[in-house]
Amino acid sequence: MYLCTVRPYDGKTELAAIKDQSQVDSLVRMVLDAPVDQNIRDVNQDNSDLYFLAFHLKDGITVTRAYRLQPNLLISVPWGIKLPREFRTAIEDALR
């Protein structure tokens, strides 16, 4: 499995990829362990911090979700997953 960030404008252009398996495992664990906010708001704000994270699974399936750097939220309206700071740091590092 690997994780990549893609442009919000077309949902396809890869901006960065995280392919180190131990780092991907850690990021996926953060997603699975993070609390779910079932009443997210302000998802239609400025798109400057909006990305799509594509999880490319070993069986060929790709799961893509919207992600906002601020407030560090994986979005699937009407709910979101509030991620720990380390998740955001890993995404920002990959985008550099």
PDB file of N, CA and C in Angstrom:
ATOM      1  N   MET A   1       0.847  -1.165   0.000  1.00  0.00           N
ATOM      2  CA  MET A   1       0.000   0.000   0.000  1.00  0.00           C
ATOM      3  C   MET A   1       0.893   1.227   0.000  1.00  0.00           C
ATOM      4  N   TYR A   2       0.436   2.263  -0.676  1.00  0.00           N
ATOM      5  CA  TYR A   2       1.100   3.542  -0.518  1.00  0.00           C
ATOM      6  C   TYR A   2       0.055   4.638  -0.539  1.00  0.00           C
ATOM      7  N   LEU A   3       0.474   5.797  -0.082  1.00  0.00           N
ATOM      8  CA  LEU A   3      -0.424   6.927   0.063  1.00  0.00           C
ATOM      9  C   LEU A   3       0.107   8.059  -0.797  1.00  0.00           C
ATOM     10  N   CYS A   4      -0.774   8.718  -1.526  1.00  0.00           N
ATOM     11  CA  CYS A   4      -0.319   9.880  -2.274  1.00  0.00           C
ATOM     12  C   CYS A   4      -1.324  11.013  -2.120  1.00  0.00           C
ATOM     13  N   THR A   5      -0.821  12.233  -2.284  1.00  0.00           N
ATOM     14  CA  THR A   5      -1.699  13.396  -2.285  1.00  0.00           C
ATOM     15  C   THR A   5      -1.892  13.812  -3.733  1.00  0.00           C
ATOM     16  N   VAL A   6      -3.099  14.176  -4.059  1.00  0.00           N
ATOM     17  CA  VAL A   6      -3.399  14.583  -5.432  1.00  0.00           C
ATOM     18  C   VAL A   6      -4.029  15.965  -5.419  1.00  0.00           C
ATOM     19  N   ARG A   7      -3.952  16.627  -6.564  1.00  0.00           N
ATOM     20  CA  ARG A   7      -4.490  17.983  -6.694  1.00  0.00           C
ATOM     21  C   ARG A   7      -6.001  17.977  -6.515  1.00  0.00           C
ATOM     22  N   PRO A   8      -6.514  18.988  -5.819  1.00  0.00           N
ATOM     23  CA  PRO A   8      -7.961  19.067  -5.636  1.00  0.00           C
ATOM     24  C   PRO A   8      -8.695  19.432  -6.922  1.00  0.00           C
ATOM     25  N   TYR A   9      -7.991  20.013  -7.871  1.00  0.00           N
ATOM     26  CA  TYR A   9      -8.643  20.495  -9.085  1.00  0.00           C
ATOM     27  C   TYR A   9      -9.034  19.376 -10.039  1.00  0.00           C
ATOM     28  N   ASP A  10      -8.189  18.363 -10.120  1.00  0.00           N
ATOM     29  CA  ASP A  10      -8.524  17.273 -11.035  1.00  0.00           C
ATOM     30  C   ASP A  10      -8.619  15.920 -10.344  1.00  0.00           C
ATOM     31  N   GLY A  11      -8.161  15.834  -9.102  1.00  0.00           N
ATOM     32  CA  GLY A  11      -8.243  14.591  -8.349  1.00  0.00           C
ATOM     33  C   GLY A  11      -7.352  13.487  -8.886  1.00  0.00           C
ATOM     34  N   LYS A  12      -6.431  13.828  -9.780  1.00  0.00           N
ATOM     35  CA  LYS A  12      -5.587  12.804 -10.403  1.00  0.00           C
ATOM     36  C   LYS A  12      -4.099  13.118 -10.329  1.00  0.00           C
ATOM     37  N   THR A  13      -3.725  14.376 -10.503  1.00  0.00           N
ATOM     38  CA  THR A  13      -2.321  14.741 -10.564  1.00  0.00           C
ATOM     39  C   THR A  13      -1.657  14.523  -9.211  1.00  0.00           C
ATOM     40  N   GLU A  14      -0.696  13.621  -9.177  1.00  0.00           N
ATOM     41  CA  GLU A  14      -0.025  13.277  -7.932  1.00  0.00           C
ATOM     42  C   GLU A  14       0.965  14.367  -7.552  1.00  0.00           C
ATOM     43  N   LEU A  15       0.834  14.874  -6.330  1.00  0.00           N
ATOM     44  CA  LEU A  15       1.732  15.903  -5.820  1.00  0.00           C
ATOM     45  C   LEU A  15       2.874  15.303  -5.011  1.00  0.00           C
ATOM     46  N   ALA A  16       2.593  14.232  -4.306  1.00  0.00           N
ATOM     47  CA  ALA A  16       3.590  13.579  -3.460  1.00  0.00           C
ATOM     48  C   ALA A  16       3.131  12.166  -3.177  1.00  0.00           C
ATOM     49  N   ALA A  17       4.084  11.311  -2.842  1.00  0.00           N
ATOM     50  CA  ALA A  17       3.736   9.932  -2.497  1.00  0.00           C
ATOM     51  C   ALA A  17       4.543   9.515  -1.275  1.00  0.00           C
ATOM     52  N   ILE A  18       3.912   8.750  -0.422  1.00  0.00           N
ATOM     53  CA  ILE A  18       4.585   8.130   0.719  1.00  0.00           C
ATOM     54  C   ILE A  18       4.542   6.634   0.455  1.00  0.00           C
ATOM     55  N   LYS A  19       5.718   6.055   0.221  1.00  0.00           N
ATOM     56  CA  LYS A  19       5.775   4.640  -0.151  1.00  0.00           C
ATOM     57  C   LYS A  19       6.498   3.774   0.871  1.00  0.00           C
ATOM     58  N   ASP A  20       7.117   4.410   1.867  1.00  0.00           N
ATOM     59  CA  ASP A  20       7.769   3.646   2.920  1.00  0.00           C
ATOM     60  C   ASP A  20       6.698   2.894   3.708  1.00  0.00           C
ATOM     61  N   GLN A  21       6.749   1.566   3.670  1.00  0.00           N
ATOM     62  CA  GLN A  21       5.674   0.758   4.241  1.00  0.00           C
ATOM     63  C   GLN A  21       5.463   1.003   5.729  1.00  0.00           C
ATOM     64  N   SER A  22       6.527   1.195   6.483  1.00  0.00           N
ATOM     65  CA  SER A  22       6.348   1.428   7.918  1.00  0.00           C
ATOM     66  C   SER A  22       5.682   2.781   8.172  1.00  0.00           C
ATOM     67  N   GLN A  23       5.994   3.787   7.367  1.00  0.00           N
ATOM     68  CA  GLN A  23       5.350   5.084   7.527  1.00  0.00           C
ATOM     69  C   GLN A  23       3.882   5.009   7.106  1.00  0.00           C
ATOM     70  N   VAL A  24       3.602   4.318   6.015  1.00  0.00           N
ATOM     71  CA  VAL A  24       2.215   4.140   5.572  1.00  0.00           C
ATOM     72  C   VAL A  24       1.420   3.395   6.646  1.00  0.00           C
ATOM     73  N   ASP A  25       2.001   2.332   7.193  1.00  0.00           N
ATOM     74  CA  ASP A  25       1.327   1.577   8.261  1.00  0.00           C
ATOM     75  C   ASP A  25       1.002   2.487   9.449  1.00  0.00           C
ATOM     76  N   SER A  26       1.943   3.342   9.818  1.00  0.00           N
ATOM     77  CA  SER A  26       1.740   4.266  10.927  1.00  0.00           C
ATOM     78  C   SER A  26       0.614   5.259  10.618  1.00  0.00           C
ATOM     79  N   LEU A  27       0.580   5.801   9.396  1.00  0.00           N
ATOM     80  CA  LEU A  27      -0.461   6.752   9.006  1.00  0.00           C
ATOM     81  C   LEU A  27      -1.842   6.094   8.981  1.00  0.00           C
ATOM     82  N   VAL A  28      -1.904   4.888   8.461  1.00  0.00           N
ATOM     83  CA  VAL A  28      -3.181   4.168   8.433  1.00  0.00           C
ATOM     84  C   VAL A  28      -3.656   3.886   9.860  1.00  0.00           C
ATOM     85  N   ARG A  29      -2.733   3.515  10.746  1.00  0.00           N
ATOM     86  CA  ARG A  29      -3.101   3.274  12.141  1.00  0.00           C
ATOM     87  C   ARG A  29      -3.655   4.549  12.774  1.00  0.00           C
ATOM     88  N   MET A  30      -3.053   5.711  12.454  1.00  0.00           N
ATOM     89  CA  MET A  30      -3.561   6.983  12.969  1.00  0.00           C
ATOM     90  C   MET A  30      -4.998   7.230  12.516  1.00  0.00           C
ATOM     91  N   VAL A  31      -5.286   6.925  11.243  1.00  0.00           N
ATOM     92  CA  VAL A  31      -6.640   7.102  10.721  1.00  0.00           C
ATOM     93  C   VAL A  31      -7.607   6.181  11.460  1.00  0.00           C
ATOM     94  N   LEU A  32      -7.223   4.929  11.634  1.00  0.00           N
ATOM     95  CA  LEU A  32      -8.109   3.962  12.284  1.00  0.00           C
ATOM     96  C   LEU A  32      -8.357   4.276  13.759  1.00  0.00           C
ATOM     97  N   ASP A  33      -7.374   4.887  14.414  1.00  0.00           N
ATOM     98  CA  ASP A  33      -7.487   5.181  15.836  1.00  0.00           C
ATOM     99  C   ASP A  33      -8.076   6.556  16.141  1.00  0.00           C
ATOM    100  N   ALA A  34      -8.204   7.406  15.138  1.00  0.00           N
ATOM    101  CA  ALA A  34      -8.638   8.789  15.359  1.00  0.00           C
ATOM    102  C   ALA A  34     -10.148   8.878  15.593  1.00  0.00           C
ATOM    103  N   PRO A  35     -10.563   9.895  16.351  1.00  0.00           N
ATOM    104  CA  PRO A  35     -11.992  10.081  16.603  1.00  0.00           C
ATOM    105  C   PRO A  35     -12.731  10.589  15.369  1.00  0.00           C
ATOM    106  N   VAL A  36     -13.982  10.195  15.261  1.00  0.00           N
ATOM    107  CA  VAL A  36     -14.849  10.633  14.159  1.00  0.00           C
ATOM    108  C   VAL A  36     -15.719  11.783  14.649  1.00  0.00           C
ATOM    109  N   ASP A  37     -15.743  12.867  13.865  1.00  0.00           N
ATOM    110  CA  ASP A  37     -16.627  14.000  14.136  1.00  0.00           C
ATOM    111  C   ASP A  37     -17.821  13.827  13.212  1.00  0.00           C
ATOM    112  N   GLN A  38     -18.984  13.537  13.777  1.00  0.00           N
ATOM    113  CA  GLN A  38     -20.171  13.267  12.958  1.00  0.00           C
ATOM    114  C   GLN A  38     -20.949  14.521  12.599  1.00  0.00           C
ATOM    115  N   ASN A  39     -20.393  15.669  12.901  1.00  0.00           N
ATOM    116  CA  ASN A  39     -21.083  16.919  12.607  1.00  0.00           C
ATOM    117  C   ASN A  39     -20.079  17.973  12.144  1.00  0.00           C
ATOM    118  N   ILE A  40     -19.367  17.681  11.069  1.00  0.00           N
ATOM    119  CA  ILE A  40     -18.357  18.632  10.607  1.00  0.00           C
ATOM    120  C   ILE A  40     -19.012  19.847   9.978  1.00  0.00           C
ATOM    121  N   ARG A  41     -18.299  20.971  10.065  1.00  0.00           N
ATOM    122  CA  ARG A  41     -18.770  22.221   9.497  1.00  0.00           C
ATOM    123  C   ARG A  41     -17.649  22.857   8.682  1.00  0.00           C
ATOM    124  N   ASP A  42     -17.992  23.862   7.931  1.00  0.00           N
ATOM    125  CA  ASP A  42     -17.017  24.649   7.188  1.00  0.00           C
ATOM    126  C   ASP A  42     -16.182  23.826   6.203  1.00  0.00           C
ATOM    127  N   VAL A  43     -16.782  22.830   5.590  1.00  0.00           N
ATOM    128  CA  VAL A  43     -16.028  22.029   4.618  1.00  0.00           C
ATOM    129  C   VAL A  43     -15.932  22.718   3.271  1.00  0.00           C
ATOM    130  N   ASN A  44     -16.694  23.759   3.055  1.00  0.00           N
ATOM    131  CA  ASN A  44     -16.667  24.474   1.773  1.00  0.00           C
ATOM    132  C   ASN A  44     -15.892  25.771   1.869  1.00  0.00           C
ATOM    133  N   GLN A  45     -14.935  25.845   2.754  1.00  0.00           N
ATOM    134  CA  GLN A  45     -14.117  27.035   2.889  1.00  0.00           C
ATOM    135  C   GLN A  45     -13.076  27.103   1.780  1.00  0.00           C
ATOM    136  N   ASP A  46     -12.176  28.055   1.882  1.00  0.00           N
ATOM    137  CA  ASP A  46     -11.094  28.238   0.912  1.00  0.00           C
ATOM    138  C   ASP A  46     -10.390  26.905   0.637  1.00  0.00           C
ATOM    139  N   ASN A  47     -10.170  26.610  -0.624  1.00  0.00           N
ATOM    140  CA  ASN A  47      -9.589  25.321  -1.007  1.00  0.00           C
ATOM    141  C   ASN A  47      -8.065  25.305  -1.024  1.00  0.00           C
ATOM    142  N   SER A  48      -7.419  26.342  -0.502  1.00  0.00           N
ATOM    143  CA  SER A  48      -5.959  26.375  -0.543  1.00  0.00           C
ATOM    144  C   SER A  48      -5.322  25.278   0.303  1.00  0.00           C
ATOM    145  N   ASP A  49      -6.044  24.758   1.274  1.00  0.00           N
ATOM    146  CA  ASP A  49      -5.485  23.688   2.113  1.00  0.00           C
ATOM    147  C   ASP A  49      -6.203  22.360   1.893  1.00  0.00           C
ATOM    148  N   LEU A  50      -6.908  22.237   0.773  1.00  0.00           N
ATOM    149  CA  LEU A  50      -7.644  21.005   0.458  1.00  0.00           C
ATOM    150  C   LEU A  50      -6.814  20.112  -0.453  1.00  0.00           C
ATOM    151  N   TYR A  51      -6.701  18.852  -0.071  1.00  0.00           N
ATOM    152  CA  TYR A  51      -6.007  17.853  -0.876  1.00  0.00           C
ATOM    153  C   TYR A  51      -6.880  16.608  -0.921  1.00  0.00           C
ATOM    154  N   PHE A  52      -6.552  15.712  -1.808  1.00  0.00           N
ATOM    155  CA  PHE A  52      -7.165  14.398  -1.794  1.00  0.00           C
ATOM    156  C   PHE A  52      -6.064  13.398  -1.496  1.00  0.00           C
ATOM    157  N   LEU A  53      -6.324  12.523  -0.538  1.00  0.00           N
ATOM    158  CA  LEU A  53      -5.368  11.477  -0.202  1.00  0.00           C
ATOM    159  C   LEU A  53      -5.858  10.190  -0.839  1.00  0.00           C
ATOM    160  N   ALA A  54      -5.012   9.569  -1.609  1.00  0.00           N
ATOM    161  CA  ALA A  54      -5.348   8.316  -2.279  1.00  0.00           C
ATOM    162  C   ALA A  54      -4.579   7.187  -1.600  1.00  0.00           C
ATOM    163  N   PHE A  55      -5.314   6.249  -1.063  1.00  0.00           N
ATOM    164  CA  PHE A  55      -4.725   5.064  -0.443  1.00  0.00           C
ATOM    165  C   PHE A  55      -4.746   3.960  -1.494  1.00  0.00           C
ATOM    166  N   HIS A  56      -3.579   3.594  -2.015  1.00  0.00           N
ATOM    167  CA  HIS A  56      -3.463   2.559  -3.041  1.00  0.00           C
ATOM    168  C   HIS A  56      -3.216   1.229  -2.339  1.00  0.00           C
ATOM    169  N   LEU A  57      -4.203   0.357  -2.356  1.00  0.00           N
ATOM    170  CA  LEU A  57      -4.125  -0.914  -1.633  1.00  0.00           C
ATOM    171  C   LEU A  57      -3.443  -1.993  -2.467  1.00  0.00           C
ATOM    172  N   LYS A  58      -2.928  -2.999  -1.813  1.00  0.00           N
ATOM    173  CA  LYS A  58      -2.206  -4.079  -2.495  1.00  0.00           C
ATOM    174  C   LYS A  58      -3.074  -4.853  -3.475  1.00  0.00           C
ATOM    175  N   ASP A  59      -4.392  -4.887  -3.248  1.00  0.00           N
ATOM    176  CA  ASP A  59      -5.271  -5.634  -4.153  1.00  0.00           C
ATOM    177  C   ASP A  59      -5.693  -4.820  -5.376  1.00  0.00           C
ATOM    178  N   GLY A  60      -5.113  -3.622  -5.533  1.00  0.00           N
ATOM    179  CA  GLY A  60      -5.403  -2.803  -6.705  1.00  0.00           C
ATOM    180  C   GLY A  60      -6.496  -1.763  -6.493  1.00  0.00           C
ATOM    181  N   ILE A  61      -7.182  -1.817  -5.374  1.00  0.00           N
ATOM    182  CA  ILE A  61      -8.231  -0.846  -5.073  1.00  0.00           C
ATOM    183  C   ILE A  61      -7.588   0.443  -4.577  1.00  0.00           C
ATOM    184  N   THR A  62      -8.132   1.577  -4.998  1.00  0.00           N
ATOM    185  CA  THR A  62      -7.698   2.876  -4.506  1.00  0.00           C
ATOM    186  C   THR A  62      -8.867   3.547  -3.810  1.00  0.00           C
ATOM    187  N   VAL A  63      -8.614   3.993  -2.584  1.00  0.00           N
ATOM    188  CA  VAL A  63      -9.621   4.712  -1.801  1.00  0.00           C
ATOM    189  C   VAL A  63      -9.130   6.146  -1.666  1.00  0.00           C
ATOM    190  N   THR A  64      -9.949   7.102  -2.082  1.00  0.00           N
ATOM    191  CA  THR A  64      -9.569   8.510  -2.057  1.00  0.00           C
ATOM    192  C   THR A  64     -10.520   9.290  -1.152  1.00  0.00           C
ATOM    193  N   ARG A  65      -9.950  10.144  -0.307  1.00  0.00           N
ATOM    194  CA  ARG A  65     -10.736  10.977   0.592  1.00  0.00           C
ATOM    195  C   ARG A  65     -10.181  12.397   0.578  1.00  0.00           C
ATOM    196  N   ALA A  66     -11.077  13.360   0.736  1.00  0.00           N
ATOM    197  CA  ALA A  66     -10.656  14.751   0.875  1.00  0.00           C
ATOM    198  C   ALA A  66      -9.965  14.922   2.219  1.00  0.00           C
ATOM    199  N   TYR A  67      -8.959  15.784   2.242  1.00  0.00           N
ATOM    200  CA  TYR A  67      -8.194  16.047   3.459  1.00  0.00           C
ATOM    201  C   TYR A  67      -7.896  17.532   3.535  1.00  0.00           C
ATOM    202  N   ARG A  68      -8.127  18.126   4.693  1.00  0.00           N
ATOM    203  CA  ARG A  68      -7.782  19.518   4.940  1.00  0.00           C
ATOM    204  C   ARG A  68      -6.631  19.581   5.934  1.00  0.00           C
ATOM    205  N   LEU A  69      -5.565  20.308   5.530  1.00  0.00           N
ATOM    206  CA  LEU A  69      -4.450  20.506   6.452  1.00  0.00           C
ATOM    207  C   LEU A  69      -4.931  21.212   7.717  1.00  0.00           C
ATOM    208  N   GLN A  70      -5.770  22.205   7.540  1.00  0.00           N
ATOM    209  CA  GLN A  70      -6.418  22.893   8.666  1.00  0.00           C
ATOM    210  C   GLN A  70      -7.888  22.590   8.563  1.00  0.00           C
ATOM    211  N   PRO A  71      -8.469  21.873   9.397  1.00  0.00           N
ATOM    212  CA  PRO A  71      -8.100  21.512  10.765  1.00  0.00           C
ATOM    213  C   PRO A  71      -7.565  20.091  10.913  1.00  0.00           C
ATOM    214  N   ASN A  72      -6.791  19.599   9.944  1.00  0.00           N
ATOM    215  CA  ASN A  72      -6.219  18.248   9.995  1.00  0.00           C
ATOM    216  C   ASN A  72      -7.333  17.205  10.044  1.00  0.00           C
ATOM    217  N   LEU A  73      -8.159  17.233   9.018  1.00  0.00           N
ATOM    218  CA  LEU A  73      -9.391  16.453   8.997  1.00  0.00           C
ATOM    219  C   LEU A  73      -9.526  15.685   7.683  1.00  0.00           C
ATOM    220  N   LEU A  74      -9.726  14.389   7.781  1.00  0.00           N
ATOM    221  CA  LEU A  74     -10.049  13.549   6.631  1.00  0.00           C
ATOM    222  C   LEU A  74     -11.568  13.607   6.491  1.00  0.00           C
ATOM    223  N   ILE A  75     -12.055  14.045   5.332  1.00  0.00           N
ATOM    224  CA  ILE A  75     -13.468  14.394   5.188  1.00  0.00           C
ATOM    225  C   ILE A  75     -14.229  13.388   4.344  1.00  0.00           C
ATOM    226  N   SER A  76     -15.389  13.024   4.842  1.00  0.00           N
ATOM    227  CA  SER A  76     -16.378  12.259   4.094  1.00  0.00           C
ATOM    228  C   SER A  76     -17.735  12.742   4.595  1.00  0.00           C
ATOM    229  N   VAL A  77     -18.180  13.867   4.042  1.00  0.00           N
ATOM    230  CA  VAL A  77     -19.378  14.566   4.523  1.00  0.00           C
ATOM    231  C   VAL A  77     -20.528  13.595   4.704  1.00  0.00           C
ATOM    232  N   PRO A  78     -21.242  13.635   5.824  1.00  0.00           N
ATOM    233  CA  PRO A  78     -21.238  14.667   6.857  1.00  0.00           C
ATOM    234  C   PRO A  78     -20.331  14.375   8.039  1.00  0.00           C
ATOM    235  N   TRP A  79     -19.399  13.484   7.911  1.00  0.00           N
ATOM    236  CA  TRP A  79     -18.511  13.203   9.030  1.00  0.00           C
ATOM    237  C   TRP A  79     -17.060  13.421   8.610  1.00  0.00           C
ATOM    238  N   GLY A  80     -16.214  13.482   9.605  1.00  0.00           N
ATOM    239  CA  GLY A  80     -14.792  13.637   9.347  1.00  0.00           C
ATOM    240  C   GLY A  80     -13.996  12.933  10.419  1.00  0.00           C
ATOM    241  N   ILE A  81     -12.765  12.635  10.113  1.00  0.00           N
ATOM    242  CA  ILE A  81     -11.877  11.981  11.060  1.00  0.00           C
ATOM    243  C   ILE A  81     -10.817  12.997  11.473  1.00  0.00           C
ATOM    244  N   LYS A  82     -10.802  13.337  12.755  1.00  0.00           N
ATOM    245  CA  LYS A  82      -9.861  14.315  13.304  1.00  0.00           C
ATOM    246  C   LYS A  82      -8.545  13.618  13.608  1.00  0.00           C
ATOM    247  N   LEU A  83      -7.534  13.941  12.821  1.00  0.00           N
ATOM    248  CA  LEU A  83      -6.262  13.222  12.887  1.00  0.00           C
ATOM    249  C   LEU A  83      -5.263  13.880  13.830  1.00  0.00           C
ATOM    250  N   PRO A  84      -4.309  13.094  14.335  1.00  0.00           N
ATOM    251  CA  PRO A  84      -3.290  13.661  15.218  1.00  0.00           C
ATOM    252  C   PRO A  84      -2.297  14.526  14.437  1.00  0.00           C
ATOM    253  N   ARG A  85      -1.613  15.371  15.159  1.00  0.00           N
ATOM    254  CA  ARG A  85      -0.653  16.309  14.566  1.00  0.00           C
ATOM    255  C   ARG A  85       0.413  15.600  13.712  1.00  0.00           C
ATOM    256  N   GLU A  86       0.822  14.414  14.135  1.00  0.00           N
ATOM    257  CA  GLU A  86       1.866  13.681  13.401  1.00  0.00           C
ATOM    258  C   GLU A  86       1.421  13.342  11.976  1.00  0.00           C
ATOM    259  N   PHE A  87       0.121  13.144  11.787  1.00  0.00           N
ATOM    260  CA  PHE A  87      -0.393  12.850  10.452  1.00  0.00           C
ATOM    261  C   PHE A  87      -0.179  14.066   9.546  1.00  0.00           C
ATOM    262  N   ARG A  88      -0.577  15.225  10.025  1.00  0.00           N
ATOM    263  CA  ARG A  88      -0.413  16.457   9.247  1.00  0.00           C
ATOM    264  C   ARG A  88       1.067  16.705   8.928  1.00  0.00           C
ATOM    265  N   THR A  89       1.924  16.501   9.922  1.00  0.00           N
ATOM    266  CA  THR A  89       3.351  16.698   9.715  1.00  0.00           C
ATOM    267  C   THR A  89       3.885  15.803   8.601  1.00  0.00           C
ATOM    268  N   ALA A  90       3.460  14.546   8.574  1.00  0.00           N
ATOM    269  CA  ALA A  90       3.896  13.608   7.524  1.00  0.00           C
ATOM    270  C   ALA A  90       3.417  14.061   6.142  1.00  0.00           C
ATOM    271  N   ILE A  91       2.181  14.552   6.060  1.00  0.00           N
ATOM    272  CA  ILE A  91       1.656  15.018   4.774  1.00  0.00           C
ATOM    273  C   ILE A  91       2.418  16.274   4.329  1.00  0.00           C
ATOM    274  N   GLU A  92       2.632  17.213   5.233  1.00  0.00           N
ATOM    275  CA  GLU A  92       3.362  18.428   4.882  1.00  0.00           C
ATOM    276  C   GLU A  92       4.786  18.091   4.449  1.00  0.00           C
ATOM    277  N   ASP A  93       5.447  17.173   5.145  1.00  0.00           N
ATOM    278  CA  ASP A  93       6.810  16.773   4.759  1.00  0.00           C
ATOM    279  C   ASP A  93       6.818  16.168   3.357  1.00  0.00           C
ATOM    280  N   ALA A  94       5.825  15.349   3.051  1.00  0.00           N
ATOM    281  CA  ALA A  94       5.757  14.724   1.722  1.00  0.00           C
ATOM    282  C   ALA A  94       5.522  15.768   0.629  1.00  0.00           C
ATOM    283  N   LEU A  95       4.788  16.807   0.950  1.00  0.00           N
ATOM    284  CA  LEU A  95       4.487  17.853  -0.041  1.00  0.00           C
ATOM    285  C   LEU A  95       5.673  18.776  -0.312  1.00  0.00           C
ATOM    286  N   ARG A  96       6.675  18.746   0.550  1.00  0.00           N
ATOM    287  CA  ARG A  96       7.855  19.619   0.356  1.00  0.00           C
ATOM    288  C   ARG A  96       8.780  19.080  -0.689  1.00  0.00           C
TER     289      ARG A  96
END
